[in-house]
């Protein structure tokens, strides 16, 4: 197990540093646990070694410039806080790893100013990302990797914990996190949007590309390209996913599942 955990820690730090550089270049703040605070739980299930990986608190991109819908330019003075979280479950055999399950979520909040200079977060949008591995013959059609619009209210406590981290309290001035009734936003939460493999690492990269890379900014593009290249490393078996029994979707065949293959680069 130590080889796998060490490999994950190394990849995590490379990923975290690149995200941090992109956040800093866009005058944003990245609140993210380092490699030594990741939780690793080892179990044996039906004679198989399983490694479960999770975070002590969700990651937050704080004070991120909000972009216009039509052209992607930043809206003057409009800032967001974007939270992401996720888990990994790996099968371990002969010092190699294969993903058995992944889940992740993203929640987008607008930073609002209130009376007395207090600030709060207002929910704007949210998604969770799943890996469908149930019996195909006993379910309705599901994209293997997919997103659904939804907010899991149990996650908001974790968001508050993120903002309370002592290392960032001097930079983060949020006093309230609210989750208002957004029924009209999530009425079609059952619709599954096909995606590439959106585990937590790929989700963080996608958020960075969408929110932190400016139009025509070659330095930011280079950081983003490096981020995707690291995740697409063919020698990294942490991104090899176990194909469930009875499944034959072609997305399991690279490069379809890799986030890097969904982008064109300048």
C-alpha atoms as a PDB file:
ATOM      1  CA  UNK A   1       0.000   0.000   0.000  1.00  0.00           C
ATOM      2  CA  UNK A   2       2.826   2.418   0.824  1.00  0.00           C
ATOM      3  CA  UNK A   3       3.923   2.579  -2.825  1.00  0.00           C
ATOM      4  CA  UNK A   4       0.400   3.542  -3.905  1.00  0.00           C
ATOM      5  CA  UNK A   5      -0.138   6.101  -1.140  1.00  0.00           C
ATOM      6  CA  UNK A   6       3.249   7.674  -1.843  1.00  0.00           C
ATOM      7  CA  UNK A   7       2.448   7.860  -5.553  1.00  0.00           C
ATOM      8  CA  UNK A   8      -0.898   9.479  -4.814  1.00  0.00           C
ATOM      9  CA  UNK A   9       0.724  11.990  -2.444  1.00  0.00           C
ATOM     10  CA  UNK A  10       3.298  12.913  -5.079  1.00  0.00           C
ATOM     11  CA  UNK A  11       0.637  13.407  -7.741  1.00  0.00           C
ATOM     12  CA  UNK A  12      -1.533  15.365  -5.302  1.00  0.00           C
ATOM     13  CA  UNK A  13       1.256  17.831  -4.525  1.00  0.00           C
ATOM     14  CA  UNK A  14       2.059  18.375  -8.218  1.00  0.00           C
ATOM     15  CA  UNK A  15      -1.648  18.960  -8.890  1.00  0.00           C
ATOM     16  CA  UNK A  16      -2.086  21.246  -5.863  1.00  0.00           C
ATOM     17  CA  UNK A  17       0.908  23.399  -6.777  1.00  0.00           C
ATOM     18  CA  UNK A  18      -0.258  23.872 -10.366  1.00  0.00           C
ATOM     19  CA  UNK A  19      -3.768  24.753  -9.190  1.00  0.00           C
ATOM     20  CA  UNK A  20      -2.279  27.182  -6.670  1.00  0.00           C
ATOM     21  CA  UNK A  21      -0.196  28.869  -9.354  1.00  0.00           C
ATOM     22  CA  UNK A  22      -3.272  29.297 -11.569  1.00  0.00           C
ATOM     23  CA  UNK A  23      -5.317  30.639  -8.658  1.00  0.00           C
ATOM     24  CA  UNK A  24      -2.603  33.141  -7.734  1.00  0.00           C
ATOM     25  CA  UNK A  25      -2.261  34.290 -11.333  1.00  0.00           C
ATOM     26  CA  UNK A  26      -5.969  35.152 -11.385  1.00  0.00           C
ATOM     27  CA  UNK A  27      -5.843  36.921  -7.968  1.00  0.00           C
ATOM     28  CA  UNK A  28      -7.780  34.052  -6.372  1.00  0.00           C
ATOM     29  CA  UNK A  29      -7.065  31.925  -3.304  1.00  0.00           C
ATOM     30  CA  UNK A  30      -6.803  28.137  -3.273  1.00  0.00           C
ATOM     31  CA  UNK A  31      -7.771  26.485   0.020  1.00  0.00           C
ATOM     32  CA  UNK A  32      -6.623  22.880  -0.308  1.00  0.00           C
ATOM     33  CA  UNK A  33      -5.270  20.249   2.099  1.00  0.00           C
ATOM     34  CA  UNK A  34      -1.693  19.172   1.475  1.00  0.00           C
ATOM     35  CA  UNK A  35      -0.567  15.594   0.918  1.00  0.00           C
ATOM     36  CA  UNK A  36      -0.076  14.874   4.628  1.00  0.00           C
ATOM     37  CA  UNK A  37      -3.712  15.567   5.490  1.00  0.00           C
ATOM     38  CA  UNK A  38      -5.280  13.238   2.921  1.00  0.00           C
ATOM     39  CA  UNK A  39      -7.133  10.333   4.546  1.00  0.00           C
ATOM     40  CA  UNK A  40      -6.155   6.803   3.496  1.00  0.00           C
ATOM     41  CA  UNK A  41      -8.215   3.872   4.802  1.00  0.00           C
ATOM     42  CA  UNK A  42      -7.171   0.299   4.028  1.00  0.00           C
ATOM     43  CA  UNK A  43      -9.760  -2.485   4.048  1.00  0.00           C
ATOM     44  CA  UNK A  44     -10.152  -6.056   2.877  1.00  0.00           C
ATOM     45  CA  UNK A  45     -13.404  -6.776   1.045  1.00  0.00           C
ATOM     46  CA  UNK A  46     -14.163 -10.299  -0.176  1.00  0.00           C
ATOM     47  CA  UNK A  47     -10.478 -11.145  -0.183  1.00  0.00           C
ATOM     48  CA  UNK A  48      -9.529  -8.009  -2.119  1.00  0.00           C
ATOM     49  CA  UNK A  49      -7.358  -5.183  -0.786  1.00  0.00           C
ATOM     50  CA  UNK A  50      -9.193  -1.857  -1.026  1.00  0.00           C
ATOM     51  CA  UNK A  51      -7.780   1.631  -0.467  1.00  0.00           C
ATOM     52  CA  UNK A  52     -10.253   4.467   0.190  1.00  0.00           C
ATOM     53  CA  UNK A  53      -9.039   8.046  -0.220  1.00  0.00           C
ATOM     54  CA  UNK A  54     -10.849  11.173   0.980  1.00  0.00           C
ATOM     55  CA  UNK A  55     -10.145  14.732   2.149  1.00  0.00           C
ATOM     56  CA  UNK A  56     -10.377  16.263   5.645  1.00  0.00           C
ATOM     57  CA  UNK A  57     -12.334  19.195   4.193  1.00  0.00           C
ATOM     58  CA  UNK A  58     -13.505  20.280   0.712  1.00  0.00           C
ATOM     59  CA  UNK A  59     -11.264  22.335  -1.575  1.00  0.00           C
ATOM     60  CA  UNK A  60     -12.234  25.942  -2.282  1.00  0.00           C
ATOM     61  CA  UNK A  61     -11.288  28.325  -5.066  1.00  0.00           C
ATOM     62  CA  UNK A  62     -12.053  31.607  -3.302  1.00  0.00           C
ATOM     63  CA  UNK A  63     -12.549  35.076  -4.800  1.00  0.00           C
ATOM     64  CA  UNK A  64     -12.613  33.653  -8.322  1.00  0.00           C
ATOM     65  CA  UNK A  65     -13.629  36.186 -11.006  1.00  0.00           C
ATOM     66  CA  UNK A  66     -17.054  35.379 -12.426  1.00  0.00           C
ATOM     67  CA  UNK A  67     -17.146  35.075 -16.211  1.00  0.00           C
ATOM     68  CA  UNK A  68     -19.753  36.292 -18.656  1.00  0.00           C
ATOM     69  CA  UNK A  69     -21.846  33.589 -20.269  1.00  0.00           C
ATOM     70  CA  UNK A  70     -21.379  34.650 -23.860  1.00  0.00           C
ATOM     71  CA  UNK A  71     -17.659  35.373 -24.237  1.00  0.00           C
ATOM     72  CA  UNK A  72     -15.941  34.165 -21.079  1.00  0.00           C
ATOM     73  CA  UNK A  73     -14.554  37.563 -20.075  1.00  0.00           C
ATOM     74  CA  UNK A  74     -14.539  38.466 -16.400  1.00  0.00           C
ATOM     75  CA  UNK A  75     -17.435  40.422 -14.916  1.00  0.00           C
ATOM     76  CA  UNK A  76     -16.042  43.471 -13.155  1.00  0.00           C
ATOM     77  CA  UNK A  77     -16.208  43.159  -9.372  1.00  0.00           C
ATOM     78  CA  UNK A  78     -18.107  39.845  -9.451  1.00  0.00           C
ATOM     79  CA  UNK A  79     -16.446  37.142  -7.351  1.00  0.00           C
ATOM     80  CA  UNK A  80     -17.258  33.513  -6.630  1.00  0.00           C
ATOM     81  CA  UNK A  81     -16.319  30.764  -4.189  1.00  0.00           C
ATOM     82  CA  UNK A  82     -16.199  27.328  -5.807  1.00  0.00           C
ATOM     83  CA  UNK A  83     -16.044  24.206  -3.651  1.00  0.00           C
ATOM     84  CA  UNK A  84     -15.066  20.752  -4.862  1.00  0.00           C
ATOM     85  CA  UNK A  85     -14.844  17.463  -3.003  1.00  0.00           C
ATOM     86  CA  UNK A  86     -14.554  13.794  -3.860  1.00  0.00           C
ATOM     87  CA  UNK A  87     -13.482  10.292  -2.948  1.00  0.00           C
ATOM     88  CA  UNK A  88     -11.508   7.476  -4.563  1.00  0.00           C
ATOM     89  CA  UNK A  89     -11.756   3.730  -4.019  1.00  0.00           C
ATOM     90  CA  UNK A  90      -8.933   1.623  -5.427  1.00  0.00           C
ATOM     91  CA  UNK A  91      -8.278  -2.095  -5.769  1.00  0.00           C
ATOM     92  CA  UNK A  92      -4.682  -2.944  -4.862  1.00  0.00           C
ATOM     93  CA  UNK A  93      -2.871  -5.960  -6.311  1.00  0.00           C
ATOM     94  CA  UNK A  94       0.866  -6.570  -6.719  1.00  0.00           C
ATOM     95  CA  UNK A  95       1.772  -2.961  -5.910  1.00  0.00           C
ATOM     96  CA  UNK A  96      -0.499  -1.641  -8.657  1.00  0.00           C
ATOM     97  CA  UNK A  97      -3.805   0.196  -8.316  1.00  0.00           C
ATOM     98  CA  UNK A  98      -7.043   0.256 -10.244  1.00  0.00           C
ATOM     99  CA  UNK A  99      -9.930   2.615  -9.551  1.00  0.00           C
ATOM    100  CA  UNK A 100     -13.092   0.774  -8.514  1.00  0.00           C
ATOM    101  CA  UNK A 101     -15.216   3.773  -7.655  1.00  0.00           C
ATOM    102  CA  UNK A 102     -15.066   7.570  -7.804  1.00  0.00           C
ATOM    103  CA  UNK A 103     -17.419  10.360  -6.808  1.00  0.00           C
ATOM    104  CA  UNK A 104     -17.041  14.119  -6.790  1.00  0.00           C
ATOM    105  CA  UNK A 105     -19.056  17.310  -6.511  1.00  0.00           C
ATOM    106  CA  UNK A 106     -18.790  21.004  -7.300  1.00  0.00           C
ATOM    107  CA  UNK A 107     -20.774  23.880  -5.798  1.00  0.00           C
ATOM    108  CA  UNK A 108     -20.626  27.430  -7.166  1.00  0.00           C
ATOM    109  CA  UNK A 109     -21.428  30.343  -4.850  1.00  0.00           C
ATOM    110  CA  UNK A 110     -21.568  34.070  -5.530  1.00  0.00           C
ATOM    111  CA  UNK A 111     -19.953  36.217  -2.856  1.00  0.00           C
ATOM    112  CA  UNK A 112     -22.498  38.774  -1.648  1.00  0.00           C
ATOM    113  CA  UNK A 113     -21.922  41.889   0.450  1.00  0.00           C
ATOM    114  CA  UNK A 114     -24.425  42.661   3.196  1.00  0.00           C
ATOM    115  CA  UNK A 115     -25.004  45.227   5.904  1.00  0.00           C
ATOM    116  CA  UNK A 116     -22.045  46.280   7.987  1.00  0.00           C
ATOM    117  CA  UNK A 117     -19.585  44.940   5.450  1.00  0.00           C
ATOM    118  CA  UNK A 118     -20.510  41.326   6.176  1.00  0.00           C
ATOM    119  CA  UNK A 119     -20.231  38.919   3.287  1.00  0.00           C
ATOM    120  CA  UNK A 120     -22.131  35.725   2.567  1.00  0.00           C
ATOM    121  CA  UNK A 121     -22.234  33.024  -0.065  1.00  0.00           C
ATOM    122  CA  UNK A 122     -25.314  32.544  -2.235  1.00  0.00           C
ATOM    123  CA  UNK A 123     -25.659  29.267  -4.103  1.00  0.00           C
ATOM    124  CA  UNK A 124     -25.556  29.739  -7.885  1.00  0.00           C
ATOM    125  CA  UNK A 125     -25.153  26.203  -9.217  1.00  0.00           C
ATOM    126  CA  UNK A 126     -24.017  22.728  -8.183  1.00  0.00           C
ATOM    127  CA  UNK A 127     -23.227  19.343  -9.729  1.00  0.00           C
ATOM    128  CA  UNK A 128     -22.249  15.893  -8.617  1.00  0.00           C
ATOM    129  CA  UNK A 129     -20.282  13.507 -10.816  1.00  0.00           C
ATOM    130  CA  UNK A 130     -20.770   9.755 -10.789  1.00  0.00           C
ATOM    131  CA  UNK A 131     -19.384   6.552 -12.233  1.00  0.00           C
ATOM    132  CA  UNK A 132     -22.177   4.166 -13.266  1.00  0.00           C
ATOM    133  CA  UNK A 133     -21.251   0.562 -12.590  1.00  0.00           C
ATOM    134  CA  UNK A 134     -24.559  -1.129 -11.761  1.00  0.00           C
ATOM    135  CA  UNK A 135     -26.019  -4.069 -13.689  1.00  0.00           C
ATOM    136  CA  UNK A 136     -26.870  -2.762 -17.163  1.00  0.00           C
ATOM    137  CA  UNK A 137     -29.700  -5.274 -17.588  1.00  0.00           C
ATOM    138  CA  UNK A 138     -31.484  -4.068 -14.458  1.00  0.00           C
ATOM    139  CA  UNK A 139     -31.297  -0.282 -14.913  1.00  0.00           C
ATOM    140  CA  UNK A 140     -32.338   2.451 -17.295  1.00  0.00           C
ATOM    141  CA  UNK A 141     -29.658   3.805 -19.664  1.00  0.00           C
ATOM    142  CA  UNK A 142     -26.904   5.728 -17.836  1.00  0.00           C
ATOM    143  CA  UNK A 143     -23.797   7.386 -19.309  1.00  0.00           C
ATOM    144  CA  UNK A 144     -20.852   5.636 -17.622  1.00  0.00           C
ATOM    145  CA  UNK A 145     -19.383   8.938 -16.438  1.00  0.00           C
ATOM    146  CA  UNK A 146     -21.985  11.639 -15.933  1.00  0.00           C
ATOM    147  CA  UNK A 147     -22.930  14.816 -14.081  1.00  0.00           C
ATOM    148  CA  UNK A 148     -26.224  15.790 -12.488  1.00  0.00           C
ATOM    149  CA  UNK A 149     -27.258  19.211 -11.231  1.00  0.00           C
ATOM    150  CA  UNK A 150     -27.858  18.945  -7.519  1.00  0.00           C
ATOM    151  CA  UNK A 151     -26.733  20.272  -4.151  1.00  0.00           C
ATOM    152  CA  UNK A 152     -26.128  17.810  -1.353  1.00  0.00           C
ATOM    153  CA  UNK A 153     -27.032  19.798   1.723  1.00  0.00           C
ATOM    154  CA  UNK A 154     -24.847  17.600   3.924  1.00  0.00           C
ATOM    155  CA  UNK A 155     -21.828  19.040   2.094  1.00  0.00           C
ATOM    156  CA  UNK A 156     -22.397  22.613   3.236  1.00  0.00           C
ATOM    157  CA  UNK A 157     -21.056  21.888   6.718  1.00  0.00           C
ATOM    158  CA  UNK A 158     -17.791  20.885   5.076  1.00  0.00           C
ATOM    159  CA  UNK A 159     -17.756  24.157   3.116  1.00  0.00           C
ATOM    160  CA  UNK A 160     -17.937  26.112   6.374  1.00  0.00           C
ATOM    161  CA  UNK A 161     -15.086  24.020   7.760  1.00  0.00           C
ATOM    162  CA  UNK A 162     -12.986  24.882   4.716  1.00  0.00           C
ATOM    163  CA  UNK A 163     -13.523  28.611   5.213  1.00  0.00           C
ATOM    164  CA  UNK A 164     -12.592  28.270   8.888  1.00  0.00           C
ATOM    165  CA  UNK A 165      -9.131  26.850   8.206  1.00  0.00           C
ATOM    166  CA  UNK A 166      -6.664  28.799  10.372  1.00  0.00           C
ATOM    167  CA  UNK A 167      -4.152  29.167   7.566  1.00  0.00           C
ATOM    168  CA  UNK A 168      -6.586  31.214   5.494  1.00  0.00           C
ATOM    169  CA  UNK A 169      -8.864  33.046   7.915  1.00  0.00           C
ATOM    170  CA  UNK A 170      -6.859  36.233   7.461  1.00  0.00           C
ATOM    171  CA  UNK A 171      -7.615  36.115   3.716  1.00  0.00           C
ATOM    172  CA  UNK A 172     -11.193  34.829   3.710  1.00  0.00           C
ATOM    173  CA  UNK A 173     -13.771  37.250   5.078  1.00  0.00           C
ATOM    174  CA  UNK A 174     -16.952  35.185   4.711  1.00  0.00           C
ATOM    175  CA  UNK A 175     -19.172  35.193   7.780  1.00  0.00           C
ATOM    176  CA  UNK A 176     -22.129  33.195   6.488  1.00  0.00           C
ATOM    177  CA  UNK A 177     -22.758  30.294   4.100  1.00  0.00           C
ATOM    178  CA  UNK A 178     -26.397  29.959   3.106  1.00  0.00           C
ATOM    179  CA  UNK A 179     -28.119  27.403   0.915  1.00  0.00           C
ATOM    180  CA  UNK A 180     -31.347  28.955  -0.241  1.00  0.00           C
ATOM    181  CA  UNK A 181     -34.234  27.060  -1.789  1.00  0.00           C
ATOM    182  CA  UNK A 182     -33.131  26.579  -5.391  1.00  0.00           C
ATOM    183  CA  UNK A 183     -35.868  24.189  -6.448  1.00  0.00           C
ATOM    184  CA  UNK A 184     -36.269  25.911  -9.802  1.00  0.00           C
ATOM    185  CA  UNK A 185     -32.566  25.417 -10.472  1.00  0.00           C
ATOM    186  CA  UNK A 186     -32.518  21.693  -9.764  1.00  0.00           C
ATOM    187  CA  UNK A 187     -35.953  20.601 -10.991  1.00  0.00           C
ATOM    188  CA  UNK A 188     -34.287  18.497 -13.703  1.00  0.00           C
ATOM    189  CA  UNK A 189     -31.603  17.116 -11.433  1.00  0.00           C
ATOM    190  CA  UNK A 190     -32.336  13.628 -12.714  1.00  0.00           C
ATOM    191  CA  UNK A 191     -30.919  14.461 -16.172  1.00  0.00           C
ATOM    192  CA  UNK A 192     -27.489  12.828 -16.564  1.00  0.00           C
ATOM    193  CA  UNK A 193     -24.972  14.792 -18.628  1.00  0.00           C
ATOM    194  CA  UNK A 194     -22.234  12.593 -20.198  1.00  0.00           C
ATOM    195  CA  UNK A 195     -18.709  13.614 -19.169  1.00  0.00           C
ATOM    196  CA  UNK A 196     -15.146  12.323 -19.288  1.00  0.00           C
ATOM    197  CA  UNK A 197     -13.876  10.573 -16.157  1.00  0.00           C
ATOM    198  CA  UNK A 198     -14.486  13.354 -13.622  1.00  0.00           C
ATOM    199  CA  UNK A 199     -12.729  12.207 -10.488  1.00  0.00           C
ATOM    200  CA  UNK A 200     -11.642  14.921  -8.066  1.00  0.00           C
ATOM    201  CA  UNK A 201      -8.305  15.572  -9.807  1.00  0.00           C
ATOM    202  CA  UNK A 202      -9.904  15.970 -13.231  1.00  0.00           C
ATOM    203  CA  UNK A 203     -12.709  18.071 -11.763  1.00  0.00           C
ATOM    204  CA  UNK A 204     -10.190  20.469 -10.224  1.00  0.00           C
ATOM    205  CA  UNK A 205      -8.436  20.784 -13.576  1.00  0.00           C
ATOM    206  CA  UNK A 206     -11.731  21.464 -15.376  1.00  0.00           C
ATOM    207  CA  UNK A 207     -12.667  24.157 -12.842  1.00  0.00           C
ATOM    208  CA  UNK A 208      -9.247  25.750 -13.265  1.00  0.00           C
ATOM    209  CA  UNK A 209      -9.537  25.752 -17.053  1.00  0.00           C
ATOM    210  CA  UNK A 210     -13.018  27.234 -16.993  1.00  0.00           C
ATOM    211  CA  UNK A 211     -12.514  29.849 -14.280  1.00  0.00           C
ATOM    212  CA  UNK A 212      -8.810  30.648 -13.899  1.00  0.00           C
ATOM    213  CA  UNK A 213      -7.354  30.633 -17.426  1.00  0.00           C
ATOM    214  CA  UNK A 214      -7.827  33.926 -19.215  1.00  0.00           C
ATOM    215  CA  UNK A 215      -8.342  34.372 -22.947  1.00  0.00           C
ATOM    216  CA  UNK A 216      -4.984  34.629 -24.684  1.00  0.00           C
ATOM    217  CA  UNK A 217      -2.963  34.292 -21.462  1.00  0.00           C
ATOM    218  CA  UNK A 218      -0.123  32.026 -22.610  1.00  0.00           C
ATOM    219  CA  UNK A 219       1.382  31.546 -19.129  1.00  0.00           C
ATOM    220  CA  UNK A 220      -1.950  30.362 -17.720  1.00  0.00           C
ATOM    221  CA  UNK A 221      -2.519  28.131 -20.754  1.00  0.00           C
ATOM    222  CA  UNK A 222       0.901  26.542 -20.184  1.00  0.00           C
ATOM    223  CA  UNK A 223       0.059  25.811 -16.534  1.00  0.00           C
ATOM    224  CA  UNK A 224      -3.263  24.311 -17.590  1.00  0.00           C
ATOM    225  CA  UNK A 225      -1.607  22.176 -20.279  1.00  0.00           C
ATOM    226  CA  UNK A 226       0.900  20.877 -17.711  1.00  0.00           C
ATOM    227  CA  UNK A 227      -1.951  20.094 -15.328  1.00  0.00           C
ATOM    228  CA  UNK A 228      -3.762  18.001 -17.943  1.00  0.00           C
ATOM    229  CA  UNK A 229      -0.561  16.326 -19.102  1.00  0.00           C
ATOM    230  CA  UNK A 230       0.177  15.139 -15.566  1.00  0.00           C
ATOM    231  CA  UNK A 231      -3.309  13.648 -15.275  1.00  0.00           C
ATOM    232  CA  UNK A 232      -2.964  11.958 -18.674  1.00  0.00           C
ATOM    233  CA  UNK A 233       0.395  10.319 -17.894  1.00  0.00           C
ATOM    234  CA  UNK A 234       0.108   6.781 -19.385  1.00  0.00           C
ATOM    235  CA  UNK A 235       2.459   5.465 -16.681  1.00  0.00           C
ATOM    236  CA  UNK A 236       0.079   6.550 -13.931  1.00  0.00           C
ATOM    237  CA  UNK A 237      -2.167   3.610 -13.050  1.00  0.00           C
ATOM    238  CA  UNK A 238      -4.115   5.654 -10.487  1.00  0.00           C
ATOM    239  CA  UNK A 239      -6.389   6.670 -13.362  1.00  0.00           C
ATOM    240  CA  UNK A 240      -6.937   3.127 -14.652  1.00  0.00           C
ATOM    241  CA  UNK A 241     -10.530   2.271 -13.861  1.00  0.00           C
ATOM    242  CA  UNK A 242     -11.879  -1.228 -13.313  1.00  0.00           C
ATOM    243  CA  UNK A 243     -14.471  -2.089 -15.959  1.00  0.00           C
ATOM    244  CA  UNK A 244     -17.590  -3.403 -14.200  1.00  0.00           C
ATOM    245  CA  UNK A 245     -18.908  -6.811 -15.180  1.00  0.00           C
ATOM    246  CA  UNK A 246     -21.285  -6.680 -18.140  1.00  0.00           C
ATOM    247  CA  UNK A 247     -20.163  -3.232 -19.312  1.00  0.00           C
ATOM    248  CA  UNK A 248     -18.841  -2.653 -22.837  1.00  0.00           C
ATOM    249  CA  UNK A 249     -19.078   1.128 -23.309  1.00  0.00           C
ATOM    250  CA  UNK A 250     -16.319   2.440 -25.569  1.00  0.00           C
ATOM    251  CA  UNK A 251     -15.546   5.275 -23.174  1.00  0.00           C
ATOM    252  CA  UNK A 252     -13.450   2.761 -21.229  1.00  0.00           C
ATOM    253  CA  UNK A 253     -11.050   2.804 -24.178  1.00  0.00           C
ATOM    254  CA  UNK A 254      -8.528   5.666 -24.061  1.00  0.00           C
ATOM    255  CA  UNK A 255      -8.457   8.430 -25.063  1.00  0.00           C
ATOM    256  CA  UNK A 256     -12.201   8.964 -24.729  1.00  0.00           C
ATOM    257  CA  UNK A 257     -12.261   9.003 -20.950  1.00  0.00           C
ATOM    258  CA  UNK A 258      -9.311  11.402 -20.501  1.00  0.00           C
ATOM    259  CA  UNK A 259     -10.153  15.032 -19.799  1.00  0.00           C
ATOM    260  CA  UNK A 260      -7.061  16.186 -21.737  1.00  0.00           C
ATOM    261  CA  UNK A 261      -8.534  14.800 -24.962  1.00  0.00           C
ATOM    262  CA  UNK A 262     -11.600  17.018 -24.684  1.00  0.00           C
ATOM    263  CA  UNK A 263      -9.645  20.267 -25.207  1.00  0.00           C
ATOM    264  CA  UNK A 264      -8.010  22.016 -28.159  1.00  0.00           C
ATOM    265  CA  UNK A 265      -4.894  24.043 -27.385  1.00  0.00           C
ATOM    266  CA  UNK A 266      -3.583  27.239 -28.977  1.00  0.00           C
END
